[in-house]
C-alpha cells in the first residue's frame, strides 16, 4: 500500500478552532457544526450537488473531531503540524494512516486513526 505525499488537513480550521483553545471550546464548535451539516438536518429542497457537498463537509467535521477530541491524537497531530509534509494512506474502513515527514525514518508500523488496522512501513536500504 503506497502512501500519498499530500499536505495534512488543517483539522483546526475545519472546526473553526485554534490550537490554543481548550477541548471544551473545540467541542462546542464541533457540536454547532454537526447540527448545521448533519444529513438528517438538511432541507429537502436543497439541490443534490449541494447535499453531497454538505455530506462531505459533515464527514470532514467528524474526522476533525476524532483527532482533536482525543487528547493523545491531538498531541500527535500538533507535533505533525510542525513538519512540512506528511504521508497519508486511506484505510479500508474509511479512516487514514498518517505519517509525518519527521517520523518516516523511525516508524515501521502505523495504526489507522479510526479502526484497529495497522500497516507496515518498509524502508529502502
PDB file of N, CA and C in Angstrom:
ATOM      1  N   UNK A   1       0.843  -1.166   0.000  1.00  0.00           N
ATOM      2  CA  UNK A   1       0.000   0.000   0.000  1.00  0.00           C
ATOM      3  C   UNK A   1       0.895   1.237   0.000  1.00  0.00           C
ATOM      4  N   UNK A   2       0.829   2.014  -1.032  1.00  0.00           N
ATOM      5  CA  UNK A   2       1.699   3.182  -1.149  1.00  0.00           C
ATOM      6  C   UNK A   2       1.073   4.377  -0.458  1.00  0.00           C
ATOM      7  N   UNK A   3       1.874   5.161   0.194  1.00  0.00           N
ATOM      8  CA  UNK A   3       1.402   6.386   0.835  1.00  0.00           C
ATOM      9  C   UNK A   3       1.396   7.504  -0.180  1.00  0.00           C
ATOM     10  N   UNK A   4       0.422   8.395  -0.027  1.00  0.00           N
ATOM     11  CA  UNK A   4       0.354   9.560  -0.886  1.00  0.00           C
ATOM     12  C   UNK A   4       1.081  10.706  -0.206  1.00  0.00           C
ATOM     13  N   UNK A   5       1.805  11.490  -0.986  1.00  0.00           N
ATOM     14  CA  UNK A   5       2.502  12.641  -0.435  1.00  0.00           C
ATOM     15  C   UNK A   5       1.566  13.834  -0.540  1.00  0.00           C
ATOM     16  N   UNK A   6       0.747  14.045   0.469  1.00  0.00           N
ATOM     17  CA  UNK A   6      -0.240  15.114   0.492  1.00  0.00           C
ATOM     18  C   UNK A   6      -0.043  15.964   1.736  1.00  0.00           C
ATOM     19  N   UNK A   7      -0.411  17.239   1.659  1.00  0.00           N
ATOM     20  CA  UNK A   7      -0.359  18.029   2.880  1.00  0.00           C
ATOM     21  C   UNK A   7      -1.425  17.535   3.847  1.00  0.00           C
ATOM     22  N   UNK A   8      -1.126  17.569   5.144  1.00  0.00           N
ATOM     23  CA  UNK A   8      -2.110  17.177   6.150  1.00  0.00           C
ATOM     24  C   UNK A   8      -3.235  18.203   6.154  1.00  0.00           C
ATOM     25  N   UNK A   9      -4.433  17.731   6.429  1.00  0.00           N
ATOM     26  CA  UNK A   9      -5.550  18.661   6.540  1.00  0.00           C
ATOM     27  C   UNK A   9      -5.398  19.469   7.816  1.00  0.00           C
ATOM     28  N   UNK A  10      -5.882  20.676   7.772  1.00  0.00           N
ATOM     29  CA  UNK A  10      -5.866  21.530   8.947  1.00  0.00           C
ATOM     30  C   UNK A  10      -7.172  21.300   9.700  1.00  0.00           C
ATOM     31  N   UNK A  11      -7.140  20.352  10.639  1.00  0.00           N
ATOM     32  CA  UNK A  11      -8.348  19.966  11.365  1.00  0.00           C
ATOM     33  C   UNK A  11      -8.882  21.127  12.196  1.00  0.00           C
ATOM     34  N   UNK A  12      -8.033  21.996  12.660  1.00  0.00           N
ATOM     35  CA  UNK A  12      -8.487  23.149  13.433  1.00  0.00           C
ATOM     36  C   UNK A  12      -9.336  24.079  12.566  1.00  0.00           C
ATOM     37  N   UNK A  13      -8.891  24.366  11.354  1.00  0.00           N
ATOM     38  CA  UNK A  13      -9.658  25.277  10.503  1.00  0.00           C
ATOM     39  C   UNK A  13     -10.985  24.649  10.079  1.00  0.00           C
ATOM     40  N   UNK A  14     -11.024  23.335   9.942  1.00  0.00           N
ATOM     41  CA  UNK A  14     -12.280  22.658   9.592  1.00  0.00           C
ATOM     42  C   UNK A  14     -13.321  22.896  10.688  1.00  0.00           C
ATOM     43  N   UNK A  15     -12.874  22.912  11.937  1.00  0.00           N
ATOM     44  CA  UNK A  15     -13.793  23.167  13.053  1.00  0.00           C
ATOM     45  C   UNK A  15     -13.894  24.648  13.406  1.00  0.00           C
ATOM     46  N   UNK A  16     -13.115  25.490  12.725  1.00  0.00           N
ATOM     47  CA  UNK A  16     -13.122  26.916  13.046  1.00  0.00           C
ATOM     48  C   UNK A  16     -12.504  27.195  14.397  1.00  0.00           C
ATOM     49  N   UNK A  17     -11.520  26.395  14.762  1.00  0.00           N
ATOM     50  CA  UNK A  17     -10.894  26.490  16.086  1.00  0.00           C
ATOM     51  C   UNK A  17      -9.416  26.862  15.954  1.00  0.00           C
ATOM     52  N   UNK A  18      -8.827  27.173  17.083  1.00  0.00           N
ATOM     53  CA  UNK A  18      -7.392  27.460  17.170  1.00  0.00           C
ATOM     54  C   UNK A  18      -6.729  26.388  18.029  1.00  0.00           C
ATOM     55  N   UNK A  19      -5.459  26.144  17.800  1.00  0.00           N
ATOM     56  CA  UNK A  19      -4.739  25.122  18.559  1.00  0.00           C
ATOM     57  C   UNK A  19      -4.598  25.493  20.034  1.00  0.00           C
ATOM     58  N   UNK A  20      -4.767  26.757  20.362  1.00  0.00           N
ATOM     59  CA  UNK A  20      -4.637  27.203  21.742  1.00  0.00           C
ATOM     60  C   UNK A  20      -5.931  27.060  22.540  1.00  0.00           C
ATOM     61  N   UNK A  21      -7.029  26.716  21.868  1.00  0.00           N
ATOM     62  CA  UNK A  21      -8.316  26.600  22.554  1.00  0.00           C
ATOM     63  C   UNK A  21      -8.389  25.312  23.369  1.00  0.00           C
ATOM     64  N   UNK A  22      -9.206  25.348  24.402  1.00  0.00           N
ATOM     65  CA  UNK A  22      -9.396  24.170  25.259  1.00  0.00           C
ATOM     66  C   UNK A  22     -10.252  23.140  24.544  1.00  0.00           C
ATOM     67  N   UNK A  23     -10.228  21.928  25.053  1.00  0.00           N
ATOM     68  CA  UNK A  23     -11.032  20.853  24.494  1.00  0.00           C
ATOM     69  C   UNK A  23     -12.518  21.203  24.554  1.00  0.00           C
ATOM     70  N   UNK A  24     -12.945  21.869  25.600  1.00  0.00           N
ATOM     71  CA  UNK A  24     -14.347  22.279  25.746  1.00  0.00           C
ATOM     72  C   UNK A  24     -14.744  23.261  24.653  1.00  0.00           C
ATOM     73  N   UNK A  25     -13.880  24.224  24.366  1.00  0.00           N
ATOM     74  CA  UNK A  25     -14.169  25.209  23.317  1.00  0.00           C
ATOM     75  C   UNK A  25     -14.224  24.544  21.944  1.00  0.00           C
ATOM     76  N   UNK A  26     -13.305  23.634  21.690  1.00  0.00           N
ATOM     77  CA  UNK A  26     -13.285  22.922  20.413  1.00  0.00           C
ATOM     78  C   UNK A  26     -14.543  22.058  20.283  1.00  0.00           C
ATOM     79  N   UNK A  27     -14.935  21.421  21.373  1.00  0.00           N
ATOM     80  CA  UNK A  27     -16.140  20.575  21.361  1.00  0.00           C
ATOM     81  C   UNK A  27     -17.383  21.404  21.046  1.00  0.00           C
ATOM     82  N   UNK A  28     -17.488  22.600  21.600  1.00  0.00           N
ATOM     83  CA  UNK A  28     -18.638  23.463  21.330  1.00  0.00           C
ATOM     84  C   UNK A  28     -18.712  23.831  19.848  1.00  0.00           C
ATOM     85  N   UNK A  29     -17.572  24.120  19.248  1.00  0.00           N
ATOM     86  CA  UNK A  29     -17.548  24.454  17.825  1.00  0.00           C
ATOM     87  C   UNK A  29     -17.923  23.241  16.982  1.00  0.00           C
ATOM     88  N   UNK A  30     -17.423  22.078  17.381  1.00  0.00           N
ATOM     89  CA  UNK A  30     -17.762  20.830  16.692  1.00  0.00           C
ATOM     90  C   UNK A  30     -19.269  20.589  16.753  1.00  0.00           C
ATOM     91  N   UNK A  31     -19.871  20.734  17.921  1.00  0.00           N
ATOM     92  CA  UNK A  31     -21.299  20.471  18.083  1.00  0.00           C
ATOM     93  C   UNK A  31     -22.152  21.415  17.243  1.00  0.00           C
ATOM     94  N   UNK A  32     -21.770  22.682  17.153  1.00  0.00           N
ATOM     95  CA  UNK A  32     -22.507  23.636  16.325  1.00  0.00           C
ATOM     96  C   UNK A  32     -22.449  23.229  14.851  1.00  0.00           C
ATOM     97  N   UNK A  33     -21.260  22.838  14.400  1.00  0.00           N
ATOM     98  CA  UNK A  33     -21.104  22.450  13.002  1.00  0.00           C
ATOM     99  C   UNK A  33     -21.842  21.150  12.684  1.00  0.00           C
ATOM    100  N   UNK A  34     -21.831  20.200  13.613  1.00  0.00           N
ATOM    101  CA  UNK A  34     -22.532  18.938  13.391  1.00  0.00           C
ATOM    102  C   UNK A  34     -24.026  19.193  13.218  1.00  0.00           C
ATOM    103  N   UNK A  35     -24.589  20.054  14.049  1.00  0.00           N
ATOM    104  CA  UNK A  35     -26.011  20.377  13.913  1.00  0.00           C
ATOM    105  C   UNK A  35     -26.311  21.066  12.586  1.00  0.00           C
ATOM    106  N   UNK A  36     -25.383  21.852  12.116  1.00  0.00           N
ATOM    107  CA  UNK A  36     -25.575  22.570  10.864  1.00  0.00           C
ATOM    108  C   UNK A  36     -25.460  21.665   9.635  1.00  0.00           C
ATOM    109  N   UNK A  37     -24.524  20.717   9.660  1.00  0.00           N
ATOM    110  CA  UNK A  37     -24.234  19.907   8.473  1.00  0.00           C
ATOM    111  C   UNK A  37     -24.717  18.462   8.544  1.00  0.00           C
ATOM    112  N   UNK A  38     -25.309  18.030   9.645  1.00  0.00           N
ATOM    113  CA  UNK A  38     -25.751  16.632   9.750  1.00  0.00           C
ATOM    114  C   UNK A  38     -26.766  16.328   8.642  1.00  0.00           C
ATOM    115  N   UNK A  39     -26.602  15.194   7.947  1.00  0.00           N
ATOM    116  CA  UNK A  39     -27.505  14.849   6.836  1.00  0.00           C
ATOM    117  C   UNK A  39     -28.981  14.821   7.239  1.00  0.00           C
ATOM    118  N   UNK A  40     -29.296  14.436   8.453  1.00  0.00           N
ATOM    119  CA  UNK A  40     -30.697  14.383   8.895  1.00  0.00           C
ATOM    120  C   UNK A  40     -31.290  15.767   9.133  1.00  0.00           C
ATOM    121  N   UNK A  41     -30.455  16.789   9.221  1.00  0.00           N
ATOM    122  CA  UNK A  41     -30.918  18.150   9.490  1.00  0.00           C
ATOM    123  C   UNK A  41     -31.058  18.993   8.220  1.00  0.00           C
ATOM    124  N   UNK A  42     -30.812  18.409   7.049  1.00  0.00           N
ATOM    125  CA  UNK A  42     -30.836  19.160   5.800  1.00  0.00           C
ATOM    126  C   UNK A  42     -32.264  19.319   5.273  1.00  0.00           C
ATOM    127  N   UNK A  43     -32.523  20.453   4.626  1.00  0.00           N
ATOM    128  CA  UNK A  43     -33.815  20.696   3.994  1.00  0.00           C
ATOM    129  C   UNK A  43     -33.972  19.787   2.786  1.00  0.00           C
ATOM    130  N   UNK A  44     -35.188  19.427   2.479  1.00  0.00           N
ATOM    131  CA  UNK A  44     -35.439  18.539   1.337  1.00  0.00           C
ATOM    132  C   UNK A  44     -35.383  19.280   0.011  1.00  0.00           C
ATOM    133  N   UNK A  45     -35.453  20.602   0.018  1.00  0.00           N
ATOM    134  CA  UNK A  45     -35.442  21.364  -1.228  1.00  0.00           C
ATOM    135  C   UNK A  45     -34.039  21.787  -1.677  1.00  0.00           C
ATOM    136  N   UNK A  46     -33.006  21.251  -1.049  1.00  0.00           N
ATOM    137  CA  UNK A  46     -31.625  21.574  -1.411  1.00  0.00           C
ATOM    138  C   UNK A  46     -31.228  20.735  -2.633  1.00  0.00           C
ATOM    139  N   UNK A  47     -30.588  21.339  -3.648  1.00  0.00           N
ATOM    140  CA  UNK A  47     -30.158  20.581  -4.834  1.00  0.00           C
ATOM    141  C   UNK A  47     -29.203  19.437  -4.460  1.00  0.00           C
ATOM    142  N   UNK A  48     -29.226  18.377  -5.272  1.00  0.00           N
ATOM    143  CA  UNK A  48     -28.430  17.172  -4.991  1.00  0.00           C
ATOM    144  C   UNK A  48     -26.940  17.483  -4.844  1.00  0.00           C
ATOM    145  N   UNK A  49     -26.402  18.344  -5.677  1.00  0.00           N
ATOM    146  CA  UNK A  49     -24.984  18.697  -5.600  1.00  0.00           C
ATOM    147  C   UNK A  49     -24.632  19.355  -4.283  1.00  0.00           C
ATOM    148  N   UNK A  50     -25.522  20.185  -3.794  1.00  0.00           N
ATOM    149  CA  UNK A  50     -25.300  20.862  -2.516  1.00  0.00           C
ATOM    150  C   UNK A  50     -25.381  19.869  -1.363  1.00  0.00           C
ATOM    151  N   UNK A  51     -26.287  18.901  -1.476  1.00  0.00           N
ATOM    152  CA  UNK A  51     -26.410  17.872  -0.439  1.00  0.00           C
ATOM    153  C   UNK A  51     -25.102  17.095  -0.333  1.00  0.00           C
ATOM    154  N   UNK A  52     -24.514  16.730  -1.467  1.00  0.00           N
ATOM    155  CA  UNK A  52     -23.252  15.980  -1.470  1.00  0.00           C
ATOM    156  C   UNK A  52     -22.131  16.796  -0.829  1.00  0.00           C
ATOM    157  N   UNK A  53     -22.079  18.093  -1.125  1.00  0.00           N
ATOM    158  CA  UNK A  53     -21.062  18.960  -0.514  1.00  0.00           C
ATOM    159  C   UNK A  53     -21.236  19.020   0.998  1.00  0.00           C
ATOM    160  N   UNK A  54     -22.465  19.109   1.454  1.00  0.00           N
ATOM    161  CA  UNK A  54     -22.738  19.178   2.885  1.00  0.00           C
ATOM    162  C   UNK A  54     -22.395  17.866   3.584  1.00  0.00           C
ATOM    163  N   UNK A  55     -22.652  16.745   2.916  1.00  0.00           N
ATOM    164  CA  UNK A  55     -22.305  15.444   3.489  1.00  0.00           C
ATOM    165  C   UNK A  55     -20.787  15.333   3.611  1.00  0.00           C
ATOM    166  N   UNK A  56     -20.053  15.742   2.576  1.00  0.00           N
ATOM    167  CA  UNK A  56     -18.591  15.717   2.628  1.00  0.00           C
ATOM    168  C   UNK A  56     -18.070  16.618   3.740  1.00  0.00           C
ATOM    169  N   UNK A  57     -18.682  17.765   3.899  1.00  0.00           N
ATOM    170  CA  UNK A  57     -18.290  18.692   4.970  1.00  0.00           C
ATOM    171  C   UNK A  57     -18.545  18.044   6.335  1.00  0.00           C
ATOM    172  N   UNK A  58     -19.689  17.375   6.469  1.00  0.00           N
ATOM    173  CA  UNK A  58     -20.015  16.681   7.718  1.00  0.00           C
ATOM    174  C   UNK A  58     -18.969  15.611   8.032  1.00  0.00           C
ATOM    175  N   UNK A  59     -18.551  14.870   7.021  1.00  0.00           N
ATOM    176  CA  UNK A  59     -17.540  13.821   7.207  1.00  0.00           C
ATOM    177  C   UNK A  59     -16.221  14.440   7.664  1.00  0.00           C
ATOM    178  N   UNK A  60     -15.820  15.553   7.045  1.00  0.00           N
ATOM    179  CA  UNK A  60     -14.589  16.239   7.462  1.00  0.00           C
ATOM    180  C   UNK A  60     -14.688  16.724   8.906  1.00  0.00           C
ATOM    181  N   UNK A  61     -15.830  17.268   9.272  1.00  0.00           N
ATOM    182  CA  UNK A  61     -16.041  17.752  10.638  1.00  0.00           C
ATOM    183  C   UNK A  61     -15.910  16.593  11.614  1.00  0.00           C
ATOM    184  N   UNK A  62     -16.508  15.454  11.265  1.00  0.00           N
ATOM    185  CA  UNK A  62     -16.437  14.275  12.126  1.00  0.00           C
ATOM    186  C   UNK A  62     -14.999  13.773  12.255  1.00  0.00           C
ATOM    187  N   UNK A  63     -14.261  13.743  11.137  1.00  0.00           N
ATOM    188  CA  UNK A  63     -12.861  13.314  11.180  1.00  0.00           C
ATOM    189  C   UNK A  63     -12.028  14.261  12.033  1.00  0.00           C
ATOM    190  N   UNK A  64     -12.278  15.554  11.901  1.00  0.00           N
ATOM    191  CA  UNK A  64     -11.546  16.541  12.697  1.00  0.00           C
ATOM    192  C   UNK A  64     -11.789  16.307  14.183  1.00  0.00           C
ATOM    193  N   UNK A  65     -13.027  16.018  14.552  1.00  0.00           N
ATOM    194  CA  UNK A  65     -13.322  15.785  15.965  1.00  0.00           C
ATOM    195  C   UNK A  65     -12.680  14.501  16.461  1.00  0.00           C
ATOM    196  N   UNK A  66     -12.614  13.478  15.620  1.00  0.00           N
ATOM    197  CA  UNK A  66     -11.979  12.220  16.034  1.00  0.00           C
ATOM    198  C   UNK A  66     -10.511  12.438  16.389  1.00  0.00           C
ATOM    199  N   UNK A  67      -9.885  13.392  15.747  1.00  0.00           N
ATOM    200  CA  UNK A  67      -8.476  13.686  16.036  1.00  0.00           C
ATOM    201  C   UNK A  67      -8.345  14.690  17.173  1.00  0.00           C
ATOM    202  N   UNK A  68      -9.063  15.788  17.084  1.00  0.00           N
ATOM    203  CA  UNK A  68      -8.896  16.857  18.075  1.00  0.00           C
ATOM    204  C   UNK A  68      -9.649  16.592  19.375  1.00  0.00           C
ATOM    205  N   UNK A  69     -10.610  15.692  19.363  1.00  0.00           N
ATOM    206  CA  UNK A  69     -11.374  15.382  20.559  1.00  0.00           C
ATOM    207  C   UNK A  69     -10.698  14.352  21.455  1.00  0.00           C
ATOM    208  N   UNK A  70      -9.627  13.752  20.957  1.00  0.00           N
ATOM    209  CA  UNK A  70      -8.870  12.754  21.712  1.00  0.00           C
ATOM    210  C   UNK A  70      -7.522  13.371  22.062  1.00  0.00           C
ATOM    211  N   UNK A  71      -7.230  13.476  23.343  1.00  0.00           N
ATOM    212  CA  UNK A  71      -6.011  14.168  23.787  1.00  0.00           C
ATOM    213  C   UNK A  71      -4.735  13.602  23.152  1.00  0.00           C
ATOM    214  N   UNK A  72      -4.630  12.283  23.089  1.00  0.00           N
ATOM    215  CA  UNK A  72      -3.417  11.673  22.534  1.00  0.00           C
ATOM    216  C   UNK A  72      -3.289  11.962  21.040  1.00  0.00           C
ATOM    217  N   UNK A  73      -4.385  11.793  20.301  1.00  0.00           N
ATOM    218  CA  UNK A  73      -4.342  12.073  18.857  1.00  0.00           C
ATOM    219  C   UNK A  73      -4.084  13.550  18.592  1.00  0.00           C
ATOM    220  N   UNK A  74      -4.664  14.405  19.434  1.00  0.00           N
ATOM    221  CA  UNK A  74      -4.465  15.846  19.283  1.00  0.00           C
ATOM    222  C   UNK A  74      -2.993  16.200  19.462  1.00  0.00           C
ATOM    223  N   UNK A  75      -2.347  15.605  20.457  1.00  0.00           N
ATOM    224  CA  UNK A  75      -0.918  15.867  20.676  1.00  0.00           C
ATOM    225  C   UNK A  75      -0.094  15.413  19.484  1.00  0.00           C
ATOM    226  N   UNK A  76      -0.410  14.226  18.964  1.00  0.00           N
ATOM    227  CA  UNK A  76       0.308  13.720  17.787  1.00  0.00           C
ATOM    228  C   UNK A  76       0.100  14.646  16.596  1.00  0.00           C
ATOM    229  N   UNK A  77      -1.131  15.080  16.402  1.00  0.00           N
ATOM    230  CA  UNK A  77      -1.438  15.977  15.290  1.00  0.00           C
ATOM    231  C   UNK A  77      -0.685  17.298  15.430  1.00  0.00           C
ATOM    232  N   UNK A  78      -0.683  17.852  16.634  1.00  0.00           N
ATOM    233  CA  UNK A  78       0.020  19.118  16.855  1.00  0.00           C
ATOM    234  C   UNK A  78       1.512  18.986  16.550  1.00  0.00           C
ATOM    235  N   UNK A  79       2.103  17.839  16.877  1.00  0.00           N
ATOM    236  CA  UNK A  79       3.507  17.602  16.546  1.00  0.00           C
ATOM    237  C   UNK A  79       3.702  17.496  15.039  1.00  0.00           C
ATOM    238  N   UNK A  80       2.770  16.857  14.362  1.00  0.00           N
ATOM    239  CA  UNK A  80       2.866  16.708  12.914  1.00  0.00           C
ATOM    240  C   UNK A  80       2.768  18.050  12.200  1.00  0.00           C
ATOM    241  N   UNK A  81       2.017  18.974  12.776  1.00  0.00           N
ATOM    242  CA  UNK A  81       1.846  20.279  12.153  1.00  0.00           C
ATOM    243  C   UNK A  81       3.162  21.041  12.034  1.00  0.00           C
ATOM    244  N   UNK A  82       4.140  20.672  12.830  1.00  0.00           N
ATOM    245  CA  UNK A  82       5.443  21.331  12.769  1.00  0.00           C
ATOM    246  C   UNK A  82       6.239  20.914  11.536  1.00  0.00           C
ATOM    247  N   UNK A  83       5.897  19.780  10.967  1.00  0.00           N
ATOM    248  CA  UNK A  83       6.596  19.277   9.791  1.00  0.00           C
ATOM    249  C   UNK A  83       6.044  19.923   8.526  1.00  0.00           C
ATOM    250  N   UNK A  84       6.848  19.944   7.479  1.00  0.00           N
ATOM    251  CA  UNK A  84       6.415  20.498   6.205  1.00  0.00           C
ATOM    252  C   UNK A  84       5.516  19.545   5.428  1.00  0.00           C
ATOM    253  N   UNK A  85       5.635  18.256   5.660  1.00  0.00           N
ATOM    254  CA  UNK A  85       4.863  17.290   4.891  1.00  0.00           C
ATOM    255  C   UNK A  85       4.446  16.122   5.762  1.00  0.00           C
ATOM    256  N   UNK A  86       3.463  15.395   5.284  1.00  0.00           N
ATOM    257  CA  UNK A  86       3.099  14.141   5.922  1.00  0.00           C
ATOM    258  C   UNK A  86       2.606  13.200   4.835  1.00  0.00           C
ATOM    259  N   UNK A  87       2.542  11.943   5.147  1.00  0.00           N
ATOM    260  CA  UNK A  87       2.118  10.920   4.220  1.00  0.00           C
ATOM    261  C   UNK A  87       0.794  10.352   4.706  1.00  0.00           C
ATOM    262  N   UNK A  88      -0.165  10.269   3.800  1.00  0.00           N
ATOM    263  CA  UNK A  88      -1.494   9.791   4.155  1.00  0.00           C
ATOM    264  C   UNK A  88      -1.872   8.657   3.216  1.00  0.00           C
ATOM    265  N   UNK A  89      -2.409   7.610   3.795  1.00  0.00           N
ATOM    266  CA  UNK A  89      -2.927   6.500   3.010  1.00  0.00           C
ATOM    267  C   UNK A  89      -4.287   6.141   3.591  1.00  0.00           C
ATOM    268  N   UNK A  90      -5.253   5.890   2.727  1.00  0.00           N
ATOM    269  CA  UNK A  90      -6.590   5.576   3.194  1.00  0.00           C
ATOM    270  C   UNK A  90      -6.690   4.123   3.634  1.00  0.00           C
ATOM    271  N   UNK A  91      -7.430   3.906   4.690  1.00  0.00           N
ATOM    272  CA  UNK A  91      -7.703   2.563   5.215  1.00  0.00           C
ATOM    273  C   UNK A  91      -8.998   2.055   4.596  1.00  0.00           C
ATOM    274  N   UNK A  92      -9.183   0.767   4.594  1.00  0.00           N
ATOM    275  CA  UNK A  92     -10.409   0.210   4.021  1.00  0.00           C
ATOM    276  C   UNK A  92     -11.650   0.569   4.836  1.00  0.00           C
ATOM    277  N   UNK A  93     -11.474   0.998   6.098  1.00  0.00           N
ATOM    278  CA  UNK A  93     -12.613   1.403   6.923  1.00  0.00           C
ATOM    279  C   UNK A  93     -13.049   2.836   6.620  1.00  0.00           C
ATOM    280  N   UNK A  94     -12.254   3.567   5.846  1.00  0.00           N
ATOM    281  CA  UNK A  94     -12.543   4.964   5.563  1.00  0.00           C
ATOM    282  C   UNK A  94     -11.666   5.911   6.367  1.00  0.00           C
ATOM    283  N   UNK A  95     -10.938   5.383   7.338  1.00  0.00           N
ATOM    284  CA  UNK A  95     -10.014   6.197   8.125  1.00  0.00           C
ATOM    285  C   UNK A  95      -8.723   6.440   7.369  1.00  0.00           C
ATOM    286  N   UNK A  96      -7.729   6.926   8.064  1.00  0.00           N
ATOM    287  CA  UNK A  96      -6.462   7.264   7.425  1.00  0.00           C
ATOM    288  C   UNK A  96      -5.284   6.782   8.254  1.00  0.00           C
ATOM    289  N   UNK A  97      -4.231   6.418   7.544  1.00  0.00           N
ATOM    290  CA  UNK A  97      -2.925   6.191   8.145  1.00  0.00           C
ATOM    291  C   UNK A  97      -2.153   7.474   7.884  1.00  0.00           C
ATOM    292  N   UNK A  98      -1.674   8.115   8.935  1.00  0.00           N
ATOM    293  CA  UNK A  98      -0.983   9.397   8.780  1.00  0.00           C
ATOM    294  C   UNK A  98       0.415   9.275   9.367  1.00  0.00           C
ATOM    295  N   UNK A  99       1.403   9.633   8.569  1.00  0.00           N
ATOM    296  CA  UNK A  99       2.801   9.581   8.992  1.00  0.00           C
ATOM    297  C   UNK A  99       3.440  10.912   8.666  1.00  0.00           C
ATOM    298  N   UNK A 100       3.963  11.594   9.670  1.00  0.00           N
ATOM    299  CA  UNK A 100       4.611  12.873   9.419  1.00  0.00           C
ATOM    300  C   UNK A 100       5.993  12.632   8.824  1.00  0.00           C
ATOM    301  N   UNK A 101       6.504  13.629   8.138  1.00  0.00           N
ATOM    302  CA  UNK A 101       7.799  13.515   7.494  1.00  0.00           C
ATOM    303  C   UNK A 101       8.922  13.201   8.457  1.00  0.00           C
ATOM    304  N   UNK A 102       8.873  13.761   9.651  1.00  0.00           N
ATOM    305  CA  UNK A 102       9.941  13.523  10.622  1.00  0.00           C
ATOM    306  C   UNK A 102       9.890  12.110  11.201  1.00  0.00           C
ATOM    307  N   UNK A 103       8.733  11.479  11.184  1.00  0.00           N
ATOM    308  CA  UNK A 103       8.593  10.123  11.705  1.00  0.00           C
ATOM    309  C   UNK A 103       8.952   9.062  10.668  1.00  0.00           C
ATOM    310  N   UNK A 104       9.025   9.438   9.413  1.00  0.00           N
ATOM    311  CA  UNK A 104       9.162   8.475   8.316  1.00  0.00           C
ATOM    312  C   UNK A 104      10.366   7.553   8.472  1.00  0.00           C
ATOM    313  N   UNK A 105      11.448   8.029   9.018  1.00  0.00           N
ATOM    314  CA  UNK A 105      12.647   7.207   9.155  1.00  0.00           C
ATOM    315  C   UNK A 105      12.604   6.280  10.363  1.00  0.00           C
ATOM    316  N   UNK A 106      11.875   6.672  11.409  1.00  0.00           N
ATOM    317  CA  UNK A 106      11.904   5.942  12.674  1.00  0.00           C
ATOM    318  C   UNK A 106      10.766   4.940  12.865  1.00  0.00           C
ATOM    319  N   UNK A 107       9.646   5.148  12.212  1.00  0.00           N
ATOM    320  CA  UNK A 107       8.457   4.347  12.452  1.00  0.00           C
ATOM    321  C   UNK A 107       8.363   3.207  11.450  1.00  0.00           C
ATOM    322  N   UNK A 108       7.960   2.035  11.923  1.00  0.00           N
ATOM    323  CA  UNK A 108       7.784   0.914  10.995  1.00  0.00           C
ATOM    324  C   UNK A 108       6.338   0.429  10.955  1.00  0.00           C
ATOM    325  N   UNK A 109       5.521   0.772  11.962  1.00  0.00           N
ATOM    326  CA  UNK A 109       4.107   0.407  11.979  1.00  0.00           C
ATOM    327  C   UNK A 109       3.266   1.649  12.226  1.00  0.00           C
ATOM    328  N   UNK A 110       2.153   1.753  11.490  1.00  0.00           N
ATOM    329  CA  UNK A 110       1.243   2.883  11.665  1.00  0.00           C
ATOM    330  C   UNK A 110      -0.165   2.339  11.848  1.00  0.00           C
ATOM    331  N   UNK A 111      -0.872   2.866  12.839  1.00  0.00           N
ATOM    332  CA  UNK A 111      -2.253   2.467  13.098  1.00  0.00           C
ATOM    333  C   UNK A 111      -3.210   3.411  12.372  1.00  0.00           C
ATOM    334  N   UNK A 112      -4.323   2.863  11.926  1.00  0.00           N
ATOM    335  CA  UNK A 112      -5.389   3.670  11.336  1.00  0.00           C
ATOM    336  C   UNK A 112      -5.939   4.592  12.420  1.00  0.00           C
ATOM    337  N   UNK A 113      -6.377   5.783  12.013  1.00  0.00           N
ATOM    338  CA  UNK A 113      -6.884   6.731  13.011  1.00  0.00           C
ATOM    339  C   UNK A 113      -8.332   6.469  13.413  1.00  0.00           C
ATOM    340  N   UNK A 114      -8.982   5.463  12.808  1.00  0.00           N
ATOM    341  CA  UNK A 114     -10.366   5.168  13.201  1.00  0.00           C
ATOM    342  C   UNK A 114     -10.629   3.711  13.560  1.00  0.00           C
ATOM    343  N   UNK A 115      -9.768   2.804  13.160  1.00  0.00           N
ATOM    344  CA  UNK A 115     -10.003   1.389  13.489  1.00  0.00           C
ATOM    345  C   UNK A 115      -8.713   0.764  14.023  1.00  0.00           C
ATOM    346  N   UNK A 116      -8.693  -0.535  14.184  1.00  0.00           N
ATOM    347  CA  UNK A 116      -7.531  -1.202  14.785  1.00  0.00           C
ATOM    348  C   UNK A 116      -6.548  -1.749  13.754  1.00  0.00           C
ATOM    349  N   UNK A 117      -6.763  -1.487  12.474  1.00  0.00           N
ATOM    350  CA  UNK A 117      -5.844  -1.983  11.448  1.00  0.00           C
ATOM    351  C   UNK A 117      -4.507  -1.245  11.497  1.00  0.00           C
ATOM    352  N   UNK A 118      -3.456  -1.958  11.133  1.00  0.00           N
ATOM    353  CA  UNK A 118      -2.099  -1.413  11.144  1.00  0.00           C
ATOM    354  C   UNK A 118      -1.419  -1.743   9.829  1.00  0.00           C
ATOM    355  N   UNK A 119      -0.574  -0.842   9.338  1.00  0.00           N
ATOM    356  CA  UNK A 119       0.234  -1.132   8.152  1.00  0.00           C
ATOM    357  C   UNK A 119       1.700  -1.063   8.530  1.00  0.00           C
ATOM    358  N   UNK A 120       2.519  -1.780   7.765  1.00  0.00           N
ATOM    359  CA  UNK A 120       3.952  -1.767   7.997  1.00  0.00           C
ATOM    360  C   UNK A 120       4.620  -0.888   6.955  1.00  0.00           C
ATOM    361  N   UNK A 121       5.532  -0.069   7.410  1.00  0.00           N
ATOM    362  CA  UNK A 121       6.315   0.796   6.522  1.00  0.00           C
ATOM    363  C   UNK A 121       7.616   0.101   6.225  1.00  0.00           C
ATOM    364  N   UNK A 122       7.897  -0.093   4.948  1.00  0.00           N
ATOM    365  CA  UNK A 122       9.138  -0.727   4.530  1.00  0.00           C
ATOM    366  C   UNK A 122      10.110   0.361   4.107  1.00  0.00           C
ATOM    367  N   UNK A 123      11.291   0.351   4.676  1.00  0.00           N
ATOM    368  CA  UNK A 123      12.326   1.339   4.371  1.00  0.00           C
ATOM    369  C   UNK A 123      13.300   0.751   3.368  1.00  0.00           C
ATOM    370  N   UNK A 124      13.675   1.559   2.385  1.00  0.00           N
ATOM    371  CA  UNK A 124      14.692   1.123   1.422  1.00  0.00           C
ATOM    372  C   UNK A 124      16.062   1.135   2.082  1.00  0.00           C
ATOM    373  N   UNK A 125      16.832   0.101   1.829  1.00  0.00           N
ATOM    374  CA  UNK A 125      18.181   0.017   2.422  1.00  0.00           C
ATOM    375  C   UNK A 125      19.215   0.618   1.510  1.00  0.00           C
TER     376      UNK A 125
END
